[in-house]
Protein backbone atom coordinates (compact mmCIF):
# COMPACT_ATOMS: atom_id res chain seq x y z
CA MET A 1 3.90 77.09 18.45
CA SER A 2 4.29 75.18 21.68
CA ARG A 3 3.63 76.82 25.01
CA LEU A 4 7.24 76.03 25.91
CA ASP A 5 8.72 77.92 22.93
CA GLY A 6 8.42 81.29 24.67
CA ILE A 7 9.92 79.96 27.88
CA ILE A 8 12.81 78.38 25.97
CA ARG A 9 13.46 81.61 24.09
CA LEU A 10 13.50 83.53 27.40
CA ARG A 11 15.84 81.00 29.03
CA LYS A 12 18.22 81.18 26.05
CA TRP A 13 18.27 84.96 26.30
CA GLU A 14 18.94 84.77 30.05
CA LEU A 15 21.74 82.25 29.47
CA ASP A 16 23.31 84.51 26.83
CA GLU A 17 23.16 87.44 29.25
CA GLN A 18 24.76 85.36 32.01
CA ARG A 19 27.53 84.32 29.61
CA ARG A 20 28.15 87.95 28.61
CA VAL A 21 28.47 88.99 32.23
CA LEU A 22 30.82 86.06 32.87
CA ALA A 23 32.98 87.14 29.92
CA VAL A 24 33.19 90.68 31.32
CA LEU A 25 34.12 89.39 34.78
CA GLN A 26 36.74 87.08 33.29
CA ALA A 27 38.21 89.99 31.29
CA GLU A 28 38.37 92.10 34.48
CA ARG A 29 40.08 89.23 36.27
CA ASP A 30 42.58 88.83 33.43
CA SER A 31 43.28 92.57 33.49
CA ILE A 32 44.09 92.47 37.21
CA ALA A 33 46.38 89.47 36.69
CA ALA A 34 48.12 91.27 33.79
CA THR A 35 48.64 94.35 35.95
CA ILE A 36 50.25 92.22 38.66
CA ASP A 37 52.55 90.64 36.08
CA MET A 38 53.39 94.04 34.59
CA LEU A 39 54.32 95.40 38.03
CA GLU A 40 56.53 92.36 38.63
CA GLU A 41 58.36 92.98 35.35
CA GLU A 42 58.63 96.68 36.13
CA LYS A 43 60.11 95.86 39.54
CA ALA A 44 62.72 93.61 37.96
CA GLU A 45 63.58 96.27 35.35
CA GLN A 46 63.96 98.97 38.01
CA ALA A 47 66.19 96.70 40.09
CA ARG A 48 68.43 96.04 37.07
CA THR A 49 68.73 99.71 36.08
CA ALA A 50 69.30 101.04 39.61
CA GLY A 51 72.88 99.89 39.65
CA GLY A 52 74.96 100.57 42.75
CA LEU A 53 74.20 104.23 43.41
CA GLU A 54 73.32 105.07 47.02
CA VAL A 55 70.54 107.47 46.09
CA SER A 56 69.13 104.90 43.72
CA THR A 57 69.23 102.24 46.36
CA LEU A 58 67.23 104.36 48.78
CA THR A 59 64.62 105.37 46.21
CA LEU A 60 64.55 101.85 44.77
CA GLY A 61 63.72 100.42 48.21
CA LEU A 62 60.84 102.85 48.63
CA TYR A 63 59.65 102.19 45.09
CA LEU A 64 59.80 98.43 45.56
CA GLU A 65 57.88 98.73 48.84
CA GLY A 66 55.17 100.77 47.07
CA VAL A 67 54.97 98.24 44.23
CA ARG A 68 54.76 95.36 46.71
CA LYS A 69 51.85 97.06 48.51
CA LYS A 70 50.11 97.73 45.21
CA GLN A 71 50.63 94.09 44.19
CA ASP A 72 49.20 92.90 47.51
CA MET A 73 46.12 95.06 46.97
CA LEU A 74 45.78 93.74 43.42
CA ARG A 75 46.13 90.15 44.63
CA GLU A 76 43.29 90.76 47.08
CA ASP A 77 41.24 92.23 44.23
CA LEU A 78 42.15 89.20 42.12
CA ALA A 79 41.02 86.80 44.86
CA ARG A 80 37.68 88.64 45.16
CA LYS A 81 37.28 88.67 41.38
CA ASP A 82 38.05 84.93 41.24
CA GLU A 83 35.26 84.33 43.77
CA GLU A 84 32.90 86.51 41.75
CA VAL A 85 33.81 84.64 38.54
CA ASP A 86 33.25 81.28 40.26
CA GLU A 87 29.86 82.39 41.61
CA HIS A 88 28.81 83.65 38.21
CA ARG A 89 30.06 80.48 36.53
CA ASP A 90 27.69 78.60 38.86
CA LYS A 91 24.85 80.90 37.78
CA VAL A 92 25.63 80.18 34.13
CA ALA A 93 25.63 76.44 34.83
CA GLU A 94 22.27 76.73 36.61
CA SER A 95 20.79 78.75 33.74
CA PHE A 96 22.02 76.11 31.31
CA ARG A 97 20.44 73.32 33.40
CA GLU A 98 17.11 75.17 33.48
CA LEU A 99 17.23 75.69 29.72
CA LYS A 100 17.94 71.99 29.14
CA ILE A 101 14.98 71.02 31.34
CA TYR A 102 12.63 73.09 29.17
CA GLU A 103 14.23 71.87 25.94
CA ILE A 104 13.82 68.25 27.02
CA ALA A 105 10.19 68.91 28.04
CA HIS A 106 9.58 70.56 24.66
CA GLU A 107 11.16 67.63 22.84
CA GLN A 108 8.99 65.17 24.75
CA GLU A 109 5.89 67.25 24.04
CA MET A 110 6.74 67.28 20.34
CA LYS A 111 7.18 63.48 20.42
CA ARG A 112 3.77 63.09 22.07
CA VAL A 113 2.15 65.34 19.47
CA LYS A 114 3.86 63.45 16.64
CA ALA A 115 2.79 60.09 18.12
CA ALA A 116 -0.82 61.30 18.40
CA GLU A 117 -0.75 62.56 14.80
CA ASP A 118 0.79 59.28 13.61
CA LYS A 119 -1.85 57.31 15.49
CA GLU A 120 -4.65 59.40 14.02
CA GLU A 121 -3.20 59.01 10.52
CA GLN A 122 -2.83 55.26 10.99
CA GLU A 123 -6.44 54.98 12.18
CA ALA A 124 -7.57 56.87 9.07
CA PHE A 125 -5.56 54.55 6.83
CA ASP A 126 -6.92 51.52 8.68
CA GLU A 127 -10.48 52.75 8.15
CA LEU A 128 -9.78 53.32 4.45
CA GLY A 129 -8.29 49.83 4.23
CA ILE A 130 -11.32 48.29 5.92
CA GLN A 131 -13.68 50.15 3.59
CA ASN A 132 -11.65 49.17 0.54
CA HIS A 133 -11.52 45.56 1.65
CA ALA A 134 -15.30 45.54 2.28
CA ARG A 135 -15.86 47.01 -1.18
CA GLN A 136 -13.66 44.34 -2.78
CA GLU A 137 -15.41 41.62 -0.79
CA ALA A 138 -18.77 42.94 -1.91
CA MET A 139 -17.68 42.91 -5.52
CA THR A 140 -16.36 39.34 -5.40
CA ASP A 141 -19.17 37.92 -3.30
CA SER A 142 -21.45 35.85 -5.53
CA ARG A 143 -24.60 37.23 -3.97
CA HIS A 144 -23.57 40.71 -4.90
CA LEU A 145 -22.47 39.71 -8.38
CA LYS A 146 -26.02 38.78 -9.25
CA MET A 147 -27.13 42.16 -8.07
CA ARG A 148 -24.67 43.88 -10.34
CA ARG A 149 -26.05 42.31 -13.53
């Protein structure tokens, strides 16, 4: 196990947590936007059903003013939530960059280890080849043939 494995595992966990928080913030933002849309539809429905009654007109005006104020407050909340989502999106991007740095470092470390193992293996094969060649040379050398008999 590489020394970077633990760090990578931690960074992945942190990135997952950041993504979960971003999803929650995005859901809150979508909820605010849906509420604004719902109030807009409700306003239009109330305006259609009010008809031409004087009492309705008076109460409709007050109702519409209250809805408009509520929508303004929700739009301010939406703007703040958009800023919060953007800030958190930046945090997620930074966490992802940090994770990639460690993953790349781990990959390079694994390549170095593999290259060292390959070199060591090749040196062992070369040594075996040299010994085998020397053995074959010794067996075919005429001086050594006389010694074998």
